[in-house]
mmCIF file of all heavy atoms, coordinates in Angstrom:
data_MODEL
# 
_entry.id   MODEL 
# 
loop_
_atom_site.group_PDB 
_atom_site.id 
_atom_site.type_symbol 
_atom_site.label_atom_id 
_atom_site.label_alt_id 
_atom_site.label_comp_id 
_atom_site.label_asym_id 
_atom_site.label_entity_id 
_atom_site.label_seq_id 
_atom_site.pdbx_PDB_ins_code 
_atom_site.Cartn_x 
_atom_site.Cartn_y 
_atom_site.Cartn_z 
_atom_site.occupancy 
_atom_site.B_iso_or_equiv 
_atom_site.pdbx_formal_charge 
_atom_site.auth_seq_id 
_atom_site.auth_comp_id 
_atom_site.auth_asym_id 
_atom_site.auth_atom_id 
_atom_site.pdbx_PDB_model_num 
ATOM 1   N N   . GLN A 1 1  ? 12.615  -13.422 -7.337  1.00 0.00 ? 1  GLN A N   1 
ATOM 2   C CA  . GLN A 1 1  ? 12.820  -11.978 -7.214  1.00 0.00 ? 1  GLN A CA  1 
ATOM 3   C C   . GLN A 1 1  ? 11.860  -11.433 -6.163  1.00 0.00 ? 1  GLN A C   1 
ATOM 4   O O   . GLN A 1 1  ? 10.712  -11.095 -6.464  1.00 0.00 ? 1  GLN A O   1 
ATOM 5   C CB  . GLN A 1 1  ? 12.653  -11.298 -8.561  1.00 0.00 ? 1  GLN A CB  1 
ATOM 6   C CG  . GLN A 1 1  ? 13.800  -11.649 -9.497  1.00 0.00 ? 1  GLN A CG  1 
ATOM 7   C CD  . GLN A 1 1  ? 13.891  -10.768 -10.724 1.00 0.00 ? 1  GLN A CD  1 
ATOM 8   O OE1 . GLN A 1 1  ? 12.995  -10.006 -11.029 1.00 0.00 ? 1  GLN A OE1 1 
ATOM 9   N NE2 . GLN A 1 1  ? 14.982  -10.893 -11.453 1.00 0.00 ? 1  GLN A NE2 1 
ATOM 10  N N   . LYS A 1 2  ? 12.346  -11.380 -4.932  1.00 0.00 ? 2  LYS A N   1 
ATOM 11  C CA  . LYS A 1 2  ? 11.544  -10.945 -3.796  1.00 0.00 ? 2  LYS A CA  1 
ATOM 12  C C   . LYS A 1 2  ? 11.761  -9.451  -3.563  1.00 0.00 ? 2  LYS A C   1 
ATOM 13  O O   . LYS A 1 2  ? 12.880  -8.947  -3.667  1.00 0.00 ? 2  LYS A O   1 
ATOM 14  C CB  . LYS A 1 2  ? 11.931  -11.726 -2.539  1.00 0.00 ? 2  LYS A CB  1 
ATOM 15  C CG  . LYS A 1 2  ? 11.872  -13.251 -2.660  1.00 0.00 ? 2  LYS A CG  1 
ATOM 16  C CD  . LYS A 1 2  ? 10.455  -13.746 -2.742  1.00 0.00 ? 2  LYS A CD  1 
ATOM 17  C CE  . LYS A 1 2  ? 10.360  -15.260 -2.774  1.00 0.00 ? 2  LYS A CE  1 
ATOM 18  N NZ  . LYS A 1 2  ? 10.589  -15.911 -1.477  1.00 0.00 ? 2  LYS A NZ  1 
ATOM 19  N N   . ASN A 1 3  ? 10.684  -8.773  -3.222  1.00 0.00 ? 3  ASN A N   1 
ATOM 20  C CA  . ASN A 1 3  ? 10.772  -7.345  -2.932  1.00 0.00 ? 3  ASN A CA  1 
ATOM 21  C C   . ASN A 1 3  ? 9.616   -6.979  -1.996  1.00 0.00 ? 3  ASN A C   1 
ATOM 22  O O   . ASN A 1 3  ? 8.465   -6.847  -2.433  1.00 0.00 ? 3  ASN A O   1 
ATOM 23  C CB  . ASN A 1 3  ? 10.689  -6.522  -4.227  1.00 0.00 ? 3  ASN A CB  1 
ATOM 24  C CG  . ASN A 1 3  ? 10.885  -5.036  -3.991  1.00 0.00 ? 3  ASN A CG  1 
ATOM 25  O OD1 . ASN A 1 3  ? 10.855  -4.562  -2.844  1.00 0.00 ? 3  ASN A OD1 1 
ATOM 26  N ND2 . ASN A 1 3  ? 11.105  -4.281  -5.048  1.00 0.00 ? 3  ASN A ND2 1 
ATOM 27  N N   . ALA A 1 4  ? 9.931   -6.838  -0.725  1.00 0.00 ? 4  ALA A N   1 
ATOM 28  C CA  . ALA A 1 4  ? 8.906   -6.565  0.276   1.00 0.00 ? 4  ALA A CA  1 
ATOM 29  C C   . ALA A 1 4  ? 8.186   -5.246  0.030   1.00 0.00 ? 4  ALA A C   1 
ATOM 30  O O   . ALA A 1 4  ? 7.010   -5.101  0.381   1.00 0.00 ? 4  ALA A O   1 
ATOM 31  C CB  . ALA A 1 4  ? 9.544   -6.566  1.668   1.00 0.00 ? 4  ALA A CB  1 
ATOM 32  N N   . GLN A 1 5  ? 8.862   -4.291  -0.587  1.00 0.00 ? 5  GLN A N   1 
ATOM 33  C CA  . GLN A 1 5  ? 8.261   -2.976  -0.814  1.00 0.00 ? 5  GLN A CA  1 
ATOM 34  C C   . GLN A 1 5  ? 7.041   -3.040  -1.741  1.00 0.00 ? 5  GLN A C   1 
ATOM 35  O O   . GLN A 1 5  ? 6.128   -2.210  -1.640  1.00 0.00 ? 5  GLN A O   1 
ATOM 36  C CB  . GLN A 1 5  ? 9.300   -2.018  -1.391  1.00 0.00 ? 5  GLN A CB  1 
ATOM 37  C CG  . GLN A 1 5  ? 10.424  -1.691  -0.407  1.00 0.00 ? 5  GLN A CG  1 
ATOM 38  C CD  . GLN A 1 5  ? 11.457  -0.743  -1.012  1.00 0.00 ? 5  GLN A CD  1 
ATOM 39  O OE1 . GLN A 1 5  ? 11.506  -0.556  -2.235  1.00 0.00 ? 5  GLN A OE1 1 
ATOM 40  N NE2 . GLN A 1 5  ? 12.266  -0.148  -0.159  1.00 0.00 ? 5  GLN A NE2 1 
ATOM 41  N N   . THR A 1 6  ? 7.003   -4.031  -2.616  1.00 0.00 ? 6  THR A N   1 
ATOM 42  C CA  . THR A 1 6  ? 5.896   -4.113  -3.570  1.00 0.00 ? 6  THR A CA  1 
ATOM 43  C C   . THR A 1 6  ? 4.574   -4.493  -2.894  1.00 0.00 ? 6  THR A C   1 
ATOM 44  O O   . THR A 1 6  ? 3.504   -4.334  -3.491  1.00 0.00 ? 6  THR A O   1 
ATOM 45  C CB  . THR A 1 6  ? 6.201   -5.149  -4.680  1.00 0.00 ? 6  THR A CB  1 
ATOM 46  O OG1 . THR A 1 6  ? 6.399   -6.440  -4.076  1.00 0.00 ? 6  THR A OG1 1 
ATOM 47  C CG2 . THR A 1 6  ? 7.445   -4.764  -5.451  1.00 0.00 ? 6  THR A CG2 1 
ATOM 48  N N   . LEU A 1 7  ? 4.639   -4.968  -1.653  1.00 0.00 ? 7  LEU A N   1 
ATOM 49  C CA  . LEU A 1 7  ? 3.416   -5.362  -0.954  1.00 0.00 ? 7  LEU A CA  1 
ATOM 50  C C   . LEU A 1 7  ? 2.548   -4.174  -0.558  1.00 0.00 ? 7  LEU A C   1 
ATOM 51  O O   . LEU A 1 7  ? 1.351   -4.325  -0.291  1.00 0.00 ? 7  LEU A O   1 
ATOM 52  C CB  . LEU A 1 7  ? 3.758   -6.165  0.307   1.00 0.00 ? 7  LEU A CB  1 
ATOM 53  C CG  . LEU A 1 7  ? 3.825   -7.693  0.142   1.00 0.00 ? 7  LEU A CG  1 
ATOM 54  C CD1 . LEU A 1 7  ? 4.900   -8.093  -0.862  1.00 0.00 ? 7  LEU A CD1 1 
ATOM 55  C CD2 . LEU A 1 7  ? 4.075   -8.373  1.490   1.00 0.00 ? 7  LEU A CD2 1 
ATOM 56  N N   . ALA A 1 8  ? 3.143   -2.988  -0.558  1.00 0.00 ? 8  ALA A N   1 
ATOM 57  C CA  . ALA A 1 8  ? 2.421   -1.790  -0.094  1.00 0.00 ? 8  ALA A CA  1 
ATOM 58  C C   . ALA A 1 8  ? 1.127   -1.542  -0.872  1.00 0.00 ? 8  ALA A C   1 
ATOM 59  O O   . ALA A 1 8  ? 0.130   -1.087  -0.287  1.00 0.00 ? 8  ALA A O   1 
ATOM 60  C CB  . ALA A 1 8  ? 3.329   -0.566  -0.186  1.00 0.00 ? 8  ALA A CB  1 
ATOM 61  N N   . VAL A 1 9  ? 1.113   -1.861  -2.153  1.00 0.00 ? 9  VAL A N   1 
ATOM 62  C CA  . VAL A 1 9  ? -0.074  -1.554  -2.970  1.00 0.00 ? 9  VAL A CA  1 
ATOM 63  C C   . VAL A 1 9  ? -1.243  -2.491  -2.678  1.00 0.00 ? 9  VAL A C   1 
ATOM 64  O O   . VAL A 1 9  ? -2.342  -2.297  -3.185  1.00 0.00 ? 9  VAL A O   1 
ATOM 65  C CB  . VAL A 1 9  ? 0.244   -1.603  -4.490  1.00 0.00 ? 9  VAL A CB  1 
ATOM 66  C CG1 . VAL A 1 9  ? 1.270   -0.556  -4.853  1.00 0.00 ? 9  VAL A CG1 1 
ATOM 67  C CG2 . VAL A 1 9  ? 0.699   -2.998  -4.912  1.00 0.00 ? 9  VAL A CG2 1 
ATOM 68  N N   . TYR A 1 10 ? -1.015  -3.525  -1.841  1.00 0.00 ? 10 TYR A N   1 
ATOM 69  C CA  . TYR A 1 10 ? -2.083  -4.474  -1.529  1.00 0.00 ? 10 TYR A CA  1 
ATOM 70  C C   . TYR A 1 10 ? -2.605  -4.326  -0.104  1.00 0.00 ? 10 TYR A C   1 
ATOM 71  O O   . TYR A 1 10 ? -3.423  -5.133  0.343   1.00 0.00 ? 10 TYR A O   1 
ATOM 72  C CB  . TYR A 1 10 ? -1.575  -5.917  -1.737  1.00 0.00 ? 10 TYR A CB  1 
ATOM 73  C CG  . TYR A 1 10 ? -0.888  -6.101  -3.065  1.00 0.00 ? 10 TYR A CG  1 
ATOM 74  C CD1 . TYR A 1 10 ? 0.505   -6.274  -3.142  1.00 0.00 ? 10 TYR A CD1 1 
ATOM 75  C CD2 . TYR A 1 10 ? -1.604  -6.092  -4.270  1.00 0.00 ? 10 TYR A CD2 1 
ATOM 76  C CE1 . TYR A 1 10 ? 1.140   -6.426  -4.368  1.00 0.00 ? 10 TYR A CE1 1 
ATOM 77  C CE2 . TYR A 1 10 ? -0.977  -6.243  -5.492  1.00 0.00 ? 10 TYR A CE2 1 
ATOM 78  C CZ  . TYR A 1 10 ? 0.396   -6.400  -5.528  1.00 0.00 ? 10 TYR A CZ  1 
ATOM 79  O OH  . TYR A 1 10 ? 1.029   -6.546  -6.740  1.00 0.00 ? 10 TYR A OH  1 
ATOM 80  N N   . ARG A 1 11 ? -2.157  -3.306  0.607   1.00 0.00 ? 11 ARG A N   1 
ATOM 81  C CA  . ARG A 1 11 ? -2.566  -3.128  2.006   1.00 0.00 ? 11 ARG A CA  1 
ATOM 82  C C   . ARG A 1 11 ? -4.067  -2.943  2.177   1.00 0.00 ? 11 ARG A C   1 
ATOM 83  O O   . ARG A 1 11 ? -4.627  -3.245  3.214   1.00 0.00 ? 11 ARG A O   1 
ATOM 84  C CB  . ARG A 1 11 ? -1.816  -1.932  2.618   1.00 0.00 ? 11 ARG A CB  1 
ATOM 85  C CG  . ARG A 1 11 ? -0.382  -2.243  2.981   1.00 0.00 ? 11 ARG A CG  1 
ATOM 86  C CD  . ARG A 1 11 ? 0.234   -1.138  3.799   1.00 0.00 ? 11 ARG A CD  1 
ATOM 87  N NE  . ARG A 1 11 ? 1.636   -1.411  4.081   1.00 0.00 ? 11 ARG A NE  1 
ATOM 88  C CZ  . ARG A 1 11 ? 2.628   -0.555  3.928   1.00 0.00 ? 11 ARG A CZ  1 
ATOM 89  N NH1 . ARG A 1 11 ? 2.363   0.675   3.477   1.00 0.00 ? 11 ARG A NH1 1 
ATOM 90  N NH2 . ARG A 1 11 ? 3.873   -0.865  4.199   1.00 0.00 ? 11 ARG A NH2 1 
ATOM 91  N N   . HIS A 1 12 ? -4.729  -2.423  1.154   1.00 0.00 ? 12 HIS A N   1 
ATOM 92  C CA  . HIS A 1 12 ? -6.168  -2.177  1.263   1.00 0.00 ? 12 HIS A CA  1 
ATOM 93  C C   . HIS A 1 12 ? -6.989  -3.460  1.154   1.00 0.00 ? 12 HIS A C   1 
ATOM 94  O O   . HIS A 1 12 ? -8.200  -3.457  1.381   1.00 0.00 ? 12 HIS A O   1 
ATOM 95  C CB  . HIS A 1 12 ? -6.620  -1.197  0.169   1.00 0.00 ? 12 HIS A CB  1 
ATOM 96  C CG  . HIS A 1 12 ? -6.501  -1.742  -1.223  1.00 0.00 ? 12 HIS A CG  1 
ATOM 97  N ND1 . HIS A 1 12 ? -5.286  -2.022  -1.816  1.00 0.00 ? 12 HIS A ND1 1 
ATOM 98  C CD2 . HIS A 1 12 ? -7.455  -2.053  -2.150  1.00 0.00 ? 12 HIS A CD2 1 
ATOM 99  C CE1 . HIS A 1 12 ? -5.490  -2.478  -3.047  1.00 0.00 ? 12 HIS A CE1 1 
ATOM 100 N NE2 . HIS A 1 12 ? -6.796  -2.521  -3.257  1.00 0.00 ? 12 HIS A NE2 1 
ATOM 101 N N   . GLN A 1 13 ? -6.324  -4.585  0.800   1.00 0.00 ? 13 GLN A N   1 
ATOM 102 C CA  . GLN A 1 13 ? -7.002  -5.880  0.704   1.00 0.00 ? 13 GLN A CA  1 
ATOM 103 C C   . GLN A 1 13 ? -6.305  -6.855  1.660   1.00 0.00 ? 13 GLN A C   1 
ATOM 104 O O   . GLN A 1 13 ? -5.303  -7.462  1.321   1.00 0.00 ? 13 GLN A O   1 
ATOM 105 C CB  . GLN A 1 13 ? -6.943  -6.415  -0.739  1.00 0.00 ? 13 GLN A CB  1 
ATOM 106 C CG  . GLN A 1 13 ? -7.680  -5.534  -1.739  1.00 0.00 ? 13 GLN A CG  1 
ATOM 107 C CD  . GLN A 1 13 ? -7.419  -5.979  -3.174  1.00 0.00 ? 13 GLN A CD  1 
ATOM 108 O OE1 . GLN A 1 13 ? -6.367  -5.666  -3.741  1.00 0.00 ? 13 GLN A OE1 1 
ATOM 109 N NE2 . GLN A 1 13 ? -8.358  -6.702  -3.760  1.00 0.00 ? 13 GLN A NE2 1 
ATOM 110 N N   . PHE A 1 14 ? -6.855  -6.974  2.862   1.00 0.00 ? 14 PHE A N   1 
ATOM 111 C CA  . PHE A 1 14 ? -6.178  -7.706  3.935   1.00 0.00 ? 14 PHE A CA  1 
ATOM 112 C C   . PHE A 1 14 ? -5.812  -9.141  3.540   1.00 0.00 ? 14 PHE A C   1 
ATOM 113 O O   . PHE A 1 14 ? -4.669  -9.563  3.715   1.00 0.00 ? 14 PHE A O   1 
ATOM 114 C CB  . PHE A 1 14 ? -7.041  -7.723  5.201   1.00 0.00 ? 14 PHE A CB  1 
ATOM 115 C CG  . PHE A 1 14 ? -6.422  -8.508  6.323   1.00 0.00 ? 14 PHE A CG  1 
ATOM 116 C CD1 . PHE A 1 14 ? -5.394  -7.954  7.080   1.00 0.00 ? 14 PHE A CD1 1 
ATOM 117 C CD2 . PHE A 1 14 ? -6.864  -9.795  6.613   1.00 0.00 ? 14 PHE A CD2 1 
ATOM 118 C CE1 . PHE A 1 14 ? -4.804  -8.680  8.115   1.00 0.00 ? 14 PHE A CE1 1 
ATOM 119 C CE2 . PHE A 1 14 ? -6.278  -10.522 7.648   1.00 0.00 ? 14 PHE A CE2 1 
ATOM 120 C CZ  . PHE A 1 14 ? -5.248  -9.962  8.409   1.00 0.00 ? 14 PHE A CZ  1 
ATOM 121 N N   . ASN A 1 15 ? -6.776  -9.896  3.013   1.00 0.00 ? 15 ASN A N   1 
ATOM 122 C CA  . ASN A 1 15 ? -6.507  -11.305 2.672   1.00 0.00 ? 15 ASN A CA  1 
ATOM 123 C C   . ASN A 1 15 ? -5.439  -11.443 1.600   1.00 0.00 ? 15 ASN A C   1 
ATOM 124 O O   . ASN A 1 15 ? -4.578  -12.320 1.669   1.00 0.00 ? 15 ASN A O   1 
ATOM 125 C CB  . ASN A 1 15 ? -7.800  -11.996 2.217   1.00 0.00 ? 15 ASN A CB  1 
ATOM 126 C CG  . ASN A 1 15 ? -8.783  -12.189 3.358   1.00 0.00 ? 15 ASN A CG  1 
ATOM 127 O OD1 . ASN A 1 15 ? -8.404  -12.191 4.533   1.00 0.00 ? 15 ASN A OD1 1 
ATOM 128 N ND2 . ASN A 1 15 ? -10.051 -12.344 3.020   1.00 0.00 ? 15 ASN A ND2 1 
ATOM 129 N N   . LEU A 1 16 ? -5.498  -10.550 0.608   1.00 0.00 ? 16 LEU A N   1 
ATOM 130 C CA  . LEU A 1 16 ? -4.498  -10.578 -0.458  1.00 0.00 ? 16 LEU A CA  1 
ATOM 131 C C   . LEU A 1 16 ? -3.131  -10.195 0.089   1.00 0.00 ? 16 LEU A C   1 
ATOM 132 O O   . LEU A 1 16 ? -2.117  -10.815 -0.252  1.00 0.00 ? 16 LEU A O   1 
ATOM 133 C CB  . LEU A 1 16 ? -4.907  -9.630  -1.586  1.00 0.00 ? 16 LEU A CB  1 
ATOM 134 C CG  . LEU A 1 16 ? -3.944  -9.524  -2.775  1.00 0.00 ? 16 LEU A CG  1 
ATOM 135 C CD1 . LEU A 1 16 ? -3.662  -10.895 -3.379  1.00 0.00 ? 16 LEU A CD1 1 
ATOM 136 C CD2 . LEU A 1 16 ? -4.497  -8.574  -3.826  1.00 0.00 ? 16 LEU A CD2 1 
ATOM 137 N N   . TYR A 1 17 ? -3.106  -9.195  0.935   1.00 0.00 ? 17 TYR A N   1 
ATOM 138 C CA  . TYR A 1 17 ? -1.835  -8.762  1.542   1.00 0.00 ? 17 TYR A CA  1 
ATOM 139 C C   . TYR A 1 17 ? -1.202  -9.916  2.322   1.00 0.00 ? 17 TYR A C   1 
ATOM 140 O O   . TYR A 1 17 ? 0.007   -10.153 2.236   1.00 0.00 ? 17 TYR A O   1 
ATOM 141 C CB  . TYR A 1 17 ? -2.062  -7.567  2.453   1.00 0.00 ? 17 TYR A CB  1 
ATOM 142 C CG  . TYR A 1 17 ? -0.797  -7.029  3.077   1.00 0.00 ? 17 TYR A CG  1 
ATOM 143 C CD1 . TYR A 1 17 ? -0.002  -6.102  2.398   1.00 0.00 ? 17 TYR A CD1 1 
ATOM 144 C CD2 . TYR A 1 17 ? -0.390  -7.427  4.348   1.00 0.00 ? 17 TYR A CD2 1 
ATOM 145 C CE1 . TYR A 1 17 ? 1.163   -5.613  2.947   1.00 0.00 ? 17 TYR A CE1 1 
ATOM 146 C CE2 . TYR A 1 17 ? 0.784   -6.960  4.914   1.00 0.00 ? 17 TYR A CE2 1 
ATOM 147 C CZ  . TYR A 1 17 ? 1.550   -6.038  4.209   1.00 0.00 ? 17 TYR A CZ  1 
ATOM 148 O OH  . TYR A 1 17 ? 2.713   -5.561  4.770   1.00 0.00 ? 17 TYR A OH  1 
ATOM 149 N N   . GLU A 1 18 ? -2.033  -10.642 3.080   1.00 0.00 ? 18 GLU A N   1 
ATOM 150 C CA  . GLU A 1 18 ? -1.520  -11.775 3.852   1.00 0.00 ? 18 GLU A CA  1 
ATOM 151 C C   . GLU A 1 18 ? -0.982  -12.865 2.936   1.00 0.00 ? 18 GLU A C   1 
ATOM 152 O O   . GLU A 1 18 ? 0.048   -13.484 3.222   1.00 0.00 ? 18 GLU A O   1 
ATOM 153 C CB  . GLU A 1 18 ? -2.632  -12.341 4.749   1.00 0.00 ? 18 GLU A CB  1 
ATOM 154 C CG  . GLU A 1 18 ? -2.996  -11.439 5.912   1.00 0.00 ? 18 GLU A CG  1 
ATOM 155 C CD  . GLU A 1 18 ? -1.840  -11.246 6.886   1.00 0.00 ? 18 GLU A CD  1 
ATOM 156 O OE1 . GLU A 1 18 ? -1.384  -12.252 7.452   1.00 0.00 ? 18 GLU A OE1 1 
ATOM 157 O OE2 . GLU A 1 18 ? -1.380  -10.090 7.051   1.00 0.00 ? 18 GLU A OE2 1 
ATOM 158 N N   . ARG A 1 19 ? -1.687  -13.108 1.833   1.00 0.00 ? 19 ARG A N   1 
ATOM 159 C CA  . ARG A 1 19 ? -1.211  -14.104 0.869   1.00 0.00 ? 19 ARG A CA  1 
ATOM 160 C C   . ARG A 1 19 ? 0.123   -13.685 0.259   1.00 0.00 ? 19 ARG A C   1 
ATOM 161 O O   . ARG A 1 19 ? 1.035   -14.504 0.116   1.00 0.00 ? 19 ARG A O   1 
ATOM 162 C CB  . ARG A 1 19 ? -2.259  -14.282 -0.242  1.00 0.00 ? 19 ARG A CB  1 
ATOM 163 C CG  . ARG A 1 19 ? -1.850  -15.286 -1.302  1.00 0.00 ? 19 ARG A CG  1 
ATOM 164 C CD  . ARG A 1 19 ? -2.863  -15.372 -2.427  1.00 0.00 ? 19 ARG A CD  1 
ATOM 165 N NE  . ARG A 1 19 ? -2.407  -16.245 -3.500  1.00 0.00 ? 19 ARG A NE  1 
ATOM 166 C CZ  . ARG A 1 19 ? -3.014  -16.385 -4.670  1.00 0.00 ? 19 ARG A CZ  1 
ATOM 167 N NH1 . ARG A 1 19 ? -4.134  -15.714 -4.912  1.00 0.00 ? 19 ARG A NH1 1 
ATOM 168 N NH2 . ARG A 1 19 ? -2.519  -17.187 -5.592  1.00 0.00 ? 19 ARG A NH2 1 
ATOM 169 N N   . MET A 1 20 ? 0.231   -12.414 -0.105  1.00 0.00 ? 20 MET A N   1 
ATOM 170 C CA  . MET A 1 20 ? 1.487   -11.913 -0.683  1.00 0.00 ? 20 MET A CA  1 
ATOM 171 C C   . MET A 1 20 ? 2.632   -11.998 0.312   1.00 0.00 ? 20 MET A C   1 
ATOM 172 O O   . MET A 1 20 ? 3.748   -12.379 -0.031  1.00 0.00 ? 20 MET A O   1 
ATOM 173 C CB  . MET A 1 20 ? 1.295   -10.462 -1.142  1.00 0.00 ? 20 MET A CB  1 
ATOM 174 C CG  . MET A 1 20 ? 0.231   -10.246 -2.191  1.00 0.00 ? 20 MET A CG  1 
ATOM 175 S SD  . MET A 1 20 ? 0.632   -10.987 -3.774  1.00 0.00 ? 20 MET A SD  1 
ATOM 176 C CE  . MET A 1 20 ? 2.041   -10.024 -4.260  1.00 0.00 ? 20 MET A CE  1 
ATOM 177 N N   . ASN A 1 21 ? 2.347   -11.653 1.554   1.00 0.00 ? 21 ASN A N   1 
ATOM 178 C CA  . ASN A 1 21 ? 3.374   -11.697 2.586   1.00 0.00 ? 21 ASN A CA  1 
ATOM 179 C C   . ASN A 1 21 ? 3.846   -13.126 2.842   1.00 0.00 ? 21 ASN A C   1 
ATOM 180 O O   . ASN A 1 21 ? 5.036   -13.377 3.047   1.00 0.00 ? 21 ASN A O   1 
ATOM 181 C CB  . ASN A 1 21 ? 2.850   -11.064 3.884   1.00 0.00 ? 21 ASN A CB  1 
ATOM 182 C CG  . ASN A 1 21 ? 3.954   -10.829 4.895   1.00 0.00 ? 21 ASN A CG  1 
ATOM 183 O OD1 . ASN A 1 21 ? 4.990   -10.248 4.580   1.00 0.00 ? 21 ASN A OD1 1 
ATOM 184 N ND2 . ASN A 1 21 ? 3.729   -11.286 6.112   1.00 0.00 ? 21 ASN A ND2 1 
ATOM 185 N N   . ALA A 1 22 ? 2.907   -14.067 2.820   1.00 0.00 ? 22 ALA A N   1 
ATOM 186 C CA  . ALA A 1 22 ? 3.270   -15.479 2.995   1.00 0.00 ? 22 ALA A CA  1 
ATOM 187 C C   . ALA A 1 22 ? 4.163   -15.942 1.843   1.00 0.00 ? 22 ALA A C   1 
ATOM 188 O O   . ALA A 1 22 ? 5.172   -16.635 2.067   1.00 0.00 ? 22 ALA A O   1 
ATOM 189 C CB  . ALA A 1 22 ? 2.016   -16.334 3.078   1.00 0.00 ? 22 ALA A CB  1 
ATOM 190 N N   . ALA A 1 23 ? 3.807   -15.547 0.610   1.00 0.00 ? 23 ALA A N   1 
ATOM 191 C CA  . ALA A 1 23 ? 4.598   -15.927 -0.568  1.00 0.00 ? 23 ALA A CA  1 
ATOM 192 C C   . ALA A 1 23 ? 6.009   -15.334 -0.503  1.00 0.00 ? 23 ALA A C   1 
ATOM 193 O O   . ALA A 1 23 ? 6.977   -15.971 -0.934  1.00 0.00 ? 23 ALA A O   1 
ATOM 194 C CB  . ALA A 1 23 ? 3.897   -15.468 -1.844  1.00 0.00 ? 23 ALA A CB  1 
ATOM 195 N N   . LEU A 1 24 ? 6.108   -14.139 0.053   1.00 0.00 ? 24 LEU A N   1 
ATOM 196 C CA  . LEU A 1 24 ? 7.400   -13.485 0.191   1.00 0.00 ? 24 LEU A CA  1 
ATOM 197 C C   . LEU A 1 24 ? 8.350   -14.326 1.043   1.00 0.00 ? 24 LEU A C   1 
ATOM 198 O O   . LEU A 1 24 ? 9.567   -14.355 0.793   1.00 0.00 ? 24 LEU A O   1 
ATOM 199 C CB  . LEU A 1 24 ? 7.216   -12.104 0.838   1.00 0.00 ? 24 LEU A CB  1 
ATOM 200 C CG  . LEU A 1 24 ? 8.463   -11.237 0.995   1.00 0.00 ? 24 LEU A CG  1 
ATOM 201 C CD1 . LEU A 1 24 ? 8.937   -10.719 -0.362  1.00 0.00 ? 24 LEU A CD1 1 
ATOM 202 C CD2 . LEU A 1 24 ? 8.188   -10.070 1.938   1.00 0.00 ? 24 LEU A CD2 1 
ATOM 203 N N   . HIS A 1 25 ? 7.811   -15.034 2.032   1.00 0.00 ? 25 HIS A N   1 
ATOM 204 C CA  . HIS A 1 25 ? 8.630   -15.796 2.975   1.00 0.00 ? 25 HIS A CA  1 
ATOM 205 C C   . HIS A 1 25 ? 8.751   -17.282 2.615   1.00 0.00 ? 25 HIS A C   1 
ATOM 206 O O   . HIS A 1 25 ? 9.319   -18.050 3.379   1.00 0.00 ? 25 HIS A O   1 
ATOM 207 C CB  . HIS A 1 25 ? 8.057   -15.638 4.391   1.00 0.00 ? 25 HIS A CB  1 
ATOM 208 C CG  . HIS A 1 25 ? 8.247   -14.275 4.965   1.00 0.00 ? 25 HIS A CG  1 
ATOM 209 N ND1 . HIS A 1 25 ? 7.380   -13.232 4.693   1.00 0.00 ? 25 HIS A ND1 1 
ATOM 210 C CD2 . HIS A 1 25 ? 9.222   -13.757 5.759   1.00 0.00 ? 25 HIS A CD2 1 
ATOM 211 C CE1 . HIS A 1 25 ? 7.786   -12.154 5.322   1.00 0.00 ? 25 HIS A CE1 1 
ATOM 212 N NE2 . HIS A 1 25 ? 8.903   -12.422 5.959   1.00 0.00 ? 25 HIS A NE2 1 
ATOM 213 N N   . GLU A 1 26 ? 8.234   -17.658 1.459   1.00 0.00 ? 26 GLU A N   1 
ATOM 214 C CA  . GLU A 1 26 ? 8.345   -19.048 1.021   1.00 0.00 ? 26 GLU A CA  1 
ATOM 215 C C   . GLU A 1 26 ? 9.532   -19.213 0.067   1.00 0.00 ? 26 GLU A C   1 
ATOM 216 O O   . GLU A 1 26 ? 9.946   -18.250 -0.581  1.00 0.00 ? 26 GLU A O   1 
ATOM 217 C CB  . GLU A 1 26 ? 7.046   -19.472 0.316   1.00 0.00 ? 26 GLU A CB  1 
ATOM 218 C CG  . GLU A 1 26 ? 5.862   -19.602 1.260   1.00 0.00 ? 26 GLU A CG  1 
ATOM 219 C CD  . GLU A 1 26 ? 4.550   -19.782 0.511   1.00 0.00 ? 26 GLU A CD  1 
ATOM 220 O OE1 . GLU A 1 26 ? 4.579   -19.756 -0.737  1.00 0.00 ? 26 GLU A OE1 1 
ATOM 221 O OE2 . GLU A 1 26 ? 3.515   -19.917 1.179   1.00 0.00 ? 26 GLU A OE2 1 
ATOM 222 N N   . PRO A 1 27 ? 10.081  -20.424 -0.006  1.00 0.00 ? 27 PRO A N   1 
ATOM 223 C CA  . PRO A 1 27 ? 11.222  -20.630 -0.933  1.00 0.00 ? 27 PRO A CA  1 
ATOM 224 C C   . PRO A 1 27 ? 10.786  -20.490 -2.381  1.00 0.00 ? 27 PRO A C   1 
ATOM 225 O O   . PRO A 1 27 ? 9.692   -20.920 -2.759  1.00 0.00 ? 27 PRO A O   1 
ATOM 226 C CB  . PRO A 1 27 ? 11.667  -22.072 -0.629  1.00 0.00 ? 27 PRO A CB  1 
ATOM 227 C CG  . PRO A 1 27 ? 10.461  -22.728 -0.028  1.00 0.00 ? 27 PRO A CG  1 
ATOM 228 C CD  . PRO A 1 27 ? 9.752   -21.653 0.729   1.00 0.00 ? 27 PRO A CD  1 
# 
């Protein structure tokens, strides 16, 4: 269940945001 919009709440934590974004694009 992928949802790119949910990443917005992690923008204040760069490393976490990058990890979440990477997970979004993984199978």
